[in-house]
Protein backbone atom coordinates (compact mmCIF):
# COMPACT_ATOMS: atom_id res chain seq x y z
CA MET A 1 16.56 -19.12 5.75
CA PRO A 2 17.65 -19.03 9.40
CA VAL A 3 16.53 -16.04 11.40
CA GLY A 4 20.07 -14.77 11.84
CA ASP A 5 20.75 -14.94 8.11
CA PHE A 6 17.47 -13.19 7.35
CA LYS A 7 18.29 -10.31 9.67
CA ALA A 8 21.84 -10.06 8.31
CA ALA A 9 20.53 -9.96 4.73
CA ALA A 10 17.96 -7.41 5.60
CA LYS A 11 20.47 -5.10 7.29
CA ARG A 12 23.04 -5.59 4.55
CA LYS A 13 20.78 -4.97 1.61
CA ALA A 14 18.14 -2.62 2.97
CA LYS A 15 18.32 1.10 2.34
CA ASP A 16 21.44 2.62 3.84
CA LYS A 17 19.94 6.03 4.08
CA VAL A 18 17.79 6.56 7.13
CA VAL A 19 16.57 10.10 7.20
CA ASN A 20 17.38 11.06 10.77
CA THR A 21 16.53 14.68 10.19
CA ALA A 22 12.92 13.74 9.48
CA LYS A 23 12.79 11.49 12.46
CA ARG A 24 14.07 14.20 14.79
CA LYS A 25 11.35 16.53 13.56
CA VAL A 26 8.71 14.06 14.63
CA SER A 27 10.10 12.11 17.58
CA GLY A 28 12.61 14.51 18.98
CA GLY A 29 15.25 11.76 18.93
CA SER A 30 18.07 10.79 16.61
CA GLY A 31 18.18 9.11 14.72
CA ARG A 32 4.70 -17.28 -8.75
CA GLY A 33 2.76 -19.47 -8.75
CA ASN A 34 -0.80 -19.50 -7.60
CA ARG A 35 -3.60 -21.70 -6.28
CA ARG A 36 -4.94 -22.69 -9.66
CA ARG A 37 -1.56 -23.65 -11.06
CA ASN A 38 -0.51 -25.57 -7.98
CA LYS A 39 -2.86 -26.85 -5.37
CA SER A 40 0.02 -28.82 -3.85
CA GLY A 41 2.03 -3.18 16.56
CA GLY A 42 5.12 -5.33 15.62
CA SER A 43 8.49 -3.66 15.29
CA ARG A 44 11.68 -4.74 13.66
CA SER A 45 13.43 -5.25 16.96
CA LYS A 46 10.91 -8.01 17.85
CA LEU A 47 11.37 -9.87 14.56
CA PRO A 48 13.16 -13.01 15.94
CA ILE A 49 10.40 -13.62 18.51
CA ILE A 50 7.69 -13.04 15.96
CA LEU A 51 9.35 -15.36 13.47
CA LEU A 52 9.53 -18.15 16.02
CA VAL A 53 5.83 -17.73 16.81
CA LEU A 54 4.91 -17.77 13.14
CA LEU A 55 7.06 -20.84 12.49
CA LEU A 56 5.22 -22.69 15.23
CA LEU A 57 1.78 -21.57 14.11
CA VAL A 58 2.17 -21.76 10.35
CA GLY A 59 4.98 -24.25 9.92
CA VAL A 60 7.10 -24.10 6.81
CA GLY A 61 4.71 -21.51 5.26
CA ALA A 62 6.14 -18.67 7.30
CA ALA A 63 9.71 -19.61 6.60
CA TRP A 64 8.89 -19.96 2.90
CA HIS A 65 7.30 -16.54 2.91
CA PHE A 66 10.20 -14.75 4.55
CA GLY A 67 12.62 -16.54 2.25
CA LEU A 68 10.92 -14.90 -0.67
CA ILE A 69 11.30 -11.34 0.63
CA ASP A 70 13.45 -9.74 -1.98
CA PHE A 71 15.93 -7.08 -0.91
CA ASP A 72 17.62 -7.03 -4.33
CA GLU A 73 15.11 -4.55 -5.70
CA LEU A 74 17.27 -1.62 -4.57
CA LEU A 75 17.02 0.34 -7.79
CA SER A 76 17.80 3.93 -8.49
CA GLY A 77 15.11 6.38 -9.51
CA ARG A 78 14.99 8.96 -6.78
CA GLY A 79 15.01 12.66 -7.33
CA ALA A 80 12.70 15.61 -7.32
CA GLN A 81 12.92 16.08 -11.09
CA ALA A 82 9.59 15.41 -12.82
CA PRO A 83 9.58 12.02 -14.57
CA ALA A 84 9.00 11.92 -18.33
CA VAL A 85 5.38 11.59 -19.42
CA ILE A 86 4.83 8.31 -21.29
CA ALA A 87 2.12 8.19 -23.94
CA VAL A 88 -0.53 5.58 -23.17
CA ASP A 89 -3.31 3.83 -25.05
CA GLY A 90 -6.61 2.75 -23.56
CA GLN A 91 -7.98 3.67 -20.15
CA MET A 92 -7.38 3.05 -16.52
CA GLU A 93 -9.99 2.69 -13.78
CA LEU A 94 -9.37 3.43 -10.09
CA HIS A 95 -11.97 1.87 -7.82
CA PHE A 96 -11.98 3.11 -4.23
CA ILE A 97 -14.23 0.46 -2.78
CA ASP A 98 -16.56 1.38 0.12
CA VAL A 99 -15.32 -0.93 2.85
CA GLY A 100 -16.26 1.24 5.83
CA GLN A 101 -13.40 2.19 8.18
CA ALA A 102 -10.87 0.25 6.06
CA ASP A 103 -9.00 0.43 2.79
CA ALA A 104 -9.37 -1.30 -0.55
CA THR A 105 -8.36 0.22 -3.91
CA PHE A 106 -8.64 -1.72 -7.16
CA ILE A 107 -6.90 -0.55 -10.35
CA ILE A 108 -7.67 -1.83 -13.83
CA THR A 109 -5.57 -1.21 -16.91
CA ASP A 110 -5.42 -2.88 -20.33
CA GLY A 111 -2.27 -4.67 -19.17
CA GLY A 112 -3.35 -5.92 -15.77
CA THR A 113 -4.87 -5.24 -12.37
CA MET A 114 -3.71 -4.22 -8.91
CA LEU A 115 -5.47 -4.47 -5.58
CA ILE A 116 -4.09 -2.24 -2.80
CA ASP A 117 -5.30 -3.61 0.56
CA ALA A 118 -8.30 -5.87 1.05
CA GLY A 119 -10.48 -4.24 3.72
CA SER A 120 -11.09 -5.54 7.22
CA ARG A 121 -12.22 -9.03 8.26
CA ASN A 122 -15.83 -7.86 8.15
CA SER A 123 -15.57 -6.05 4.79
CA GLY A 124 -13.29 -8.62 3.10
CA PRO A 125 -16.31 -10.54 1.64
CA ARG A 126 -17.48 -7.29 0.01
CA VAL A 127 -14.08 -6.85 -1.64
CA VAL A 128 -14.30 -10.34 -3.07
CA GLU A 129 -17.88 -9.76 -4.25
CA TYR A 130 -17.00 -6.40 -5.77
CA LEU A 131 -14.16 -7.92 -7.83
CA GLN A 132 -16.31 -10.86 -8.87
CA ASN A 133 -19.00 -8.48 -10.11
CA LEU A 134 -16.34 -6.84 -12.29
CA GLY A 135 -15.63 -10.25 -13.82
CA ILE A 136 -12.21 -10.48 -12.18
CA ARG A 137 -10.62 -13.93 -11.86
CA GLU A 138 -6.91 -13.02 -11.81
CA ILE A 139 -5.11 -10.12 -10.14
CA THR A 140 -1.65 -9.19 -11.39
CA TYR A 141 -0.45 -7.47 -8.20
CA VAL A 142 -1.89 -7.46 -4.69
CA VAL A 143 -0.41 -5.01 -2.18
CA ALA A 144 -0.69 -5.44 1.57
CA THR A 145 0.49 -1.96 2.57
CA HIS A 146 1.08 -2.91 6.24
CA PRO A 147 -0.21 -5.62 8.59
CA HIS A 148 -3.10 -3.81 10.34
CA GLU A 149 -6.49 -5.57 10.31
CA ASP A 150 -8.32 -2.81 8.44
CA HIS A 151 -5.91 -3.29 5.54
CA ILE A 152 -5.24 -7.05 5.47
CA GLY A 153 -8.37 -8.45 7.21
CA GLY A 154 -9.80 -9.69 3.91
CA MET A 155 -6.43 -10.57 2.34
CA ASP A 156 -6.70 -14.33 2.99
CA LEU A 157 -10.11 -14.32 1.30
CA VAL A 158 -8.68 -12.59 -1.76
CA LEU A 159 -5.67 -14.88 -2.00
CA ASN A 160 -7.93 -17.96 -1.64
CA GLU A 161 -10.43 -16.77 -4.24
CA PHE A 162 -8.37 -15.21 -7.06
CA THR A 163 -5.32 -16.19 -8.98
CA VAL A 164 -2.61 -13.72 -7.83
CA GLY A 165 0.56 -12.99 -9.72
CA THR A 166 2.64 -11.18 -7.10
CA LEU A 167 1.97 -10.03 -3.53
CA LEU A 168 3.87 -6.93 -2.38
CA MET A 169 4.26 -6.44 1.36
CA PRO A 170 6.69 -4.66 3.67
CA PRO A 171 9.40 -6.69 5.52
CA VAL A 172 7.64 -6.52 8.90
CA SER A 173 5.48 -9.13 10.64
CA HIS A 174 2.70 -8.99 13.22
CA THR A 175 1.48 -11.30 15.99
CA THR A 176 -2.25 -11.17 15.20
CA ARG A 177 -4.39 -14.03 13.92
CA THR A 178 -5.31 -11.83 10.96
CA TYR A 179 -1.67 -11.72 9.91
CA GLU A 180 -1.28 -15.48 10.44
CA ARG A 181 -4.29 -16.12 8.15
CA MET A 182 -2.66 -14.08 5.44
CA ILE A 183 0.59 -16.01 5.80
CA GLU A 184 -1.29 -19.31 5.63
CA ALA A 185 -3.11 -18.16 2.46
CA ILE A 186 0.21 -17.20 0.91
CA GLU A 187 1.64 -20.62 1.59
CA ASN A 188 -1.49 -22.63 0.75
CA ASN A 189 -1.89 -20.90 -2.63
CA ASN A 190 1.83 -20.76 -3.43
CA VAL A 191 1.69 -16.97 -3.96
CA TYR A 192 4.96 -15.26 -4.85
CA ALA A 193 5.61 -12.52 -2.27
CA ARG A 194 8.29 -9.86 -2.13
CA SER A 195 9.08 -6.52 -0.53
CA PRO A 196 9.69 -3.69 -3.01
CA ALA A 197 12.34 -1.04 -2.25
CA ALA A 198 11.87 2.68 -2.45
CA GLY A 199 12.68 3.86 -5.94
CA SER A 200 11.71 0.60 -7.64
CA THR A 201 8.90 0.59 -10.19
CA VAL A 202 6.05 -1.59 -11.34
CA ASN A 203 4.69 -1.24 -14.89
CA LEU A 204 0.99 -2.13 -15.22
CA GLY A 205 -0.34 -1.62 -18.72
CA GLY A 206 1.44 1.70 -19.13
CA ALA A 207 0.72 2.84 -15.58
CA ILE A 208 4.04 3.31 -13.77
CA PHE A 209 3.93 2.74 -10.01
CA THR A 210 7.04 4.17 -8.28
CA VAL A 211 7.59 3.01 -4.73
CA ILE A 212 8.17 6.04 -2.56
CA HIS A 213 8.12 4.35 0.84
CA PRO A 214 9.38 2.68 3.09
CA ASN A 215 12.64 4.64 3.03
CA ALA A 216 14.31 3.02 6.10
CA ASP A 217 14.69 -0.46 7.58
CA ASN A 218 13.18 0.12 11.00
CA TYR A 219 9.99 1.78 12.30
CA GLY A 220 8.44 1.65 15.73
CA ASN A 221 4.95 2.29 14.31
CA LEU A 222 3.42 -0.25 11.88
CA ASN A 223 1.66 2.59 10.04
CA ASP A 224 5.03 3.97 8.97
CA TRP A 225 5.89 0.71 7.22
CA SER A 226 3.11 1.36 4.71
CA ILE A 227 4.11 0.67 1.10
CA SER A 228 3.39 3.92 -0.76
CA PHE A 229 3.23 4.66 -4.48
CA ARG A 230 3.25 7.51 -6.92
CA MET A 231 1.35 6.24 -9.96
CA ALA A 232 1.59 7.92 -13.40
CA PHE A 233 -0.67 7.05 -16.33
CA GLY A 234 0.09 9.44 -19.19
CA GLN A 235 -0.39 12.93 -17.73
CA VAL A 236 -2.52 11.73 -14.83
CA SER A 237 -0.91 10.86 -11.50
CA MET A 238 -1.84 9.72 -8.00
CA VAL A 239 -0.10 9.33 -4.65
CA THR A 240 -1.37 6.64 -2.21
CA THR A 241 0.30 6.05 1.13
CA GLY A 242 -1.64 3.47 3.18
CA ASP A 243 -1.60 4.67 6.78
CA ALA A 244 1.87 6.31 6.57
CA GLU A 245 2.12 9.07 9.18
CA ARG A 246 4.03 12.36 9.28
CA LEU A 247 7.41 10.76 10.04
CA ALA A 248 7.08 8.65 6.88
CA GLU A 249 5.79 11.59 4.85
CA LEU A 250 8.80 13.67 5.82
CA GLU A 251 11.08 10.80 4.82
CA MET A 252 9.48 10.74 1.38
CA ILE A 253 10.20 14.46 1.07
CA GLU A 254 13.75 14.20 2.44
CA ALA A 255 14.46 11.30 0.08
CA GLU A 256 13.57 13.62 -2.82
CA HIS A 257 10.97 11.39 -4.37
CA TYR A 258 8.93 13.22 -6.91
CA LEU A 259 5.54 13.59 -5.21
CA SER A 260 3.48 16.07 -7.22
CA ALA A 261 0.21 14.39 -8.31
CA ASP A 262 -3.31 15.13 -9.50
CA ILE A 263 -4.94 12.69 -7.04
CA LEU A 264 -4.10 12.13 -3.41
CA ARG A 265 -5.63 9.17 -1.60
CA LEU A 266 -5.30 10.52 1.90
CA GLY A 267 -3.24 8.64 4.39
CA HIS A 268 -4.74 6.94 7.44
CA HIS A 269 -8.39 7.67 6.55
CA GLY A 270 -7.89 11.43 6.87
CA SER A 271 -6.37 11.29 10.34
CA ARG A 272 -4.44 14.28 11.68
CA THR A 273 -1.47 11.93 12.02
CA SER A 274 -1.09 11.97 8.20
CA THR A 275 -1.45 14.38 5.30
CA SER A 276 0.85 16.87 7.05
CA GLN A 277 1.00 20.33 5.62
CA GLU A 278 4.50 19.67 4.24
CA PHE A 279 3.41 16.51 2.47
CA PHE A 280 0.18 18.04 1.20
CA ASP A 281 2.15 20.96 -0.28
CA ALA A 282 4.60 18.56 -1.92
CA VAL A 283 1.81 16.56 -3.59
CA SER A 284 -0.36 19.59 -4.37
CA PRO A 285 -3.33 17.56 -5.62
CA SER A 286 -6.52 18.76 -7.26
CA ILE A 287 -8.58 15.64 -6.24
CA ALA A 288 -8.63 14.09 -2.78
CA ILE A 289 -9.95 10.62 -1.98
CA ILE A 290 -10.73 9.60 1.61
CA GLN A 291 -11.44 5.95 2.41
CA VAL A 292 -13.35 6.27 5.65
CA GLY A 293 -16.32 4.74 7.39
CA GLU A 294 -19.50 6.64 8.26
CA GLY A 295 -19.72 7.62 11.93
CA ASN A 296 -16.43 5.99 12.77
CA ARG A 297 -15.27 6.17 16.40
CA TYR A 298 -12.01 7.94 15.49
CA GLY A 299 -13.65 11.04 14.13
CA HIS A 300 -11.96 10.58 10.72
CA PRO A 301 -11.40 12.64 8.72
CA HIS A 302 -10.15 15.21 11.23
CA PRO A 303 -11.15 18.87 10.79
CA GLU A 304 -7.63 20.20 10.41
CA VAL A 305 -7.00 17.82 7.52
CA MET A 306 -10.28 18.79 5.86
CA ASP A 307 -9.25 22.44 6.13
CA ARG A 308 -6.21 21.68 3.99
CA LEU A 309 -8.46 20.29 1.28
CA ALA A 310 -10.40 23.54 0.78
CA GLY A 311 -10.82 24.18 -2.92
CA LEU A 312 -10.19 20.58 -3.97
CA ARG A 313 -12.62 18.05 -5.37
CA VAL A 314 -13.05 15.77 -2.34
CA TYR A 315 -14.63 12.30 -2.51
CA ARG A 316 -15.32 10.19 0.56
CA ASN A 317 -16.62 6.63 0.85
CA ASP A 318 -18.81 7.64 3.79
CA HIS A 319 -20.50 10.31 1.64
CA HIS A 320 -20.25 8.89 -1.87
CA GLY A 321 -20.08 5.10 -1.47
CA ASP A 322 -17.89 3.43 -4.07
CA ILE A 323 -15.81 5.97 -5.98
CA ILE A 324 -14.61 5.21 -9.55
CA LEU A 325 -12.14 7.37 -11.44
CA THR A 326 -11.64 6.65 -15.18
CA THR A 327 -8.83 8.28 -17.15
CA ASP A 328 -7.38 8.08 -20.62
CA GLY A 329 -4.11 9.58 -19.41
CA THR A 330 -5.30 13.15 -19.93
CA ASN A 331 -8.83 13.56 -18.64
CA ILE A 332 -10.37 12.26 -15.38
CA GLU A 333 -14.02 11.21 -15.08
CA VAL A 334 -15.45 10.55 -11.61
CA ARG A 335 -18.47 8.38 -10.82
CA THR A 336 -19.85 7.61 -7.37
CA ALA A 337 -22.45 5.21 -6.03
CA ARG A 338 -24.34 7.99 -4.25
């Protein structure tokens, strides 16, 4: 698809509602295949230049990838009304893998699996090893929340090693070699990739993942492109937001997505840029998960965020190692490596 057509399609079909009120609060401005079946930050305004670079570096793979971005997933499903609880059989496991100052969450249900982010370049091999030790050979959904190295650094390793059903990623590119490696792995392994719209859902063995972000078609900060979910499995629910910052969190609230959940995987490793008081109150969790590296140079998690978590059950990779939550849709059991 030519660059001009891609941009026109994106603008025509992307969400019409840009929550300018939320942006003013923050900025002060206005506002399927797979390898085994077939062997055969950046901002939106810079997209044409980035696409040209990617086309030169990756060849037809980049064009193929962007041609698969699907803006037809603009489904209804917003609203602050609590969704109906669906009875479930079996169990679900949530693995918050210890990948240092990076993110990698693996979800197992009776009906499939989902990997949300794949760690950094350094920790990517551990993600692969962790999944192999679980006996995983195929992954139903892989999510690249946004194109920062600590989230997609190991993505090419995952795509090269496992059979992947669908890759979900936001419609934004990056100029780093890390991003180029991911695009090359998508093309080389013929992985089906698309960009889900806010309000659309993914059903994974009875676990319903509702996309609650992105809610607009342009962000100046790559973190705010982060694909975010509210997951419900029976009566148990979780919100996970990648590195989405306060602007994005306010958009989720303004868009009237239902956000209340038992588990909150804190945004941006517990940084003060995320888990705003407004968002924390909207989710009102009882369990908090922080994917963070020991002694990291950013000082994550920040003290003001930890103060908000007073009274919650808090689990951190730097304190607890790998964190595994198991639920039957009613009860939650927590196991940690330390």
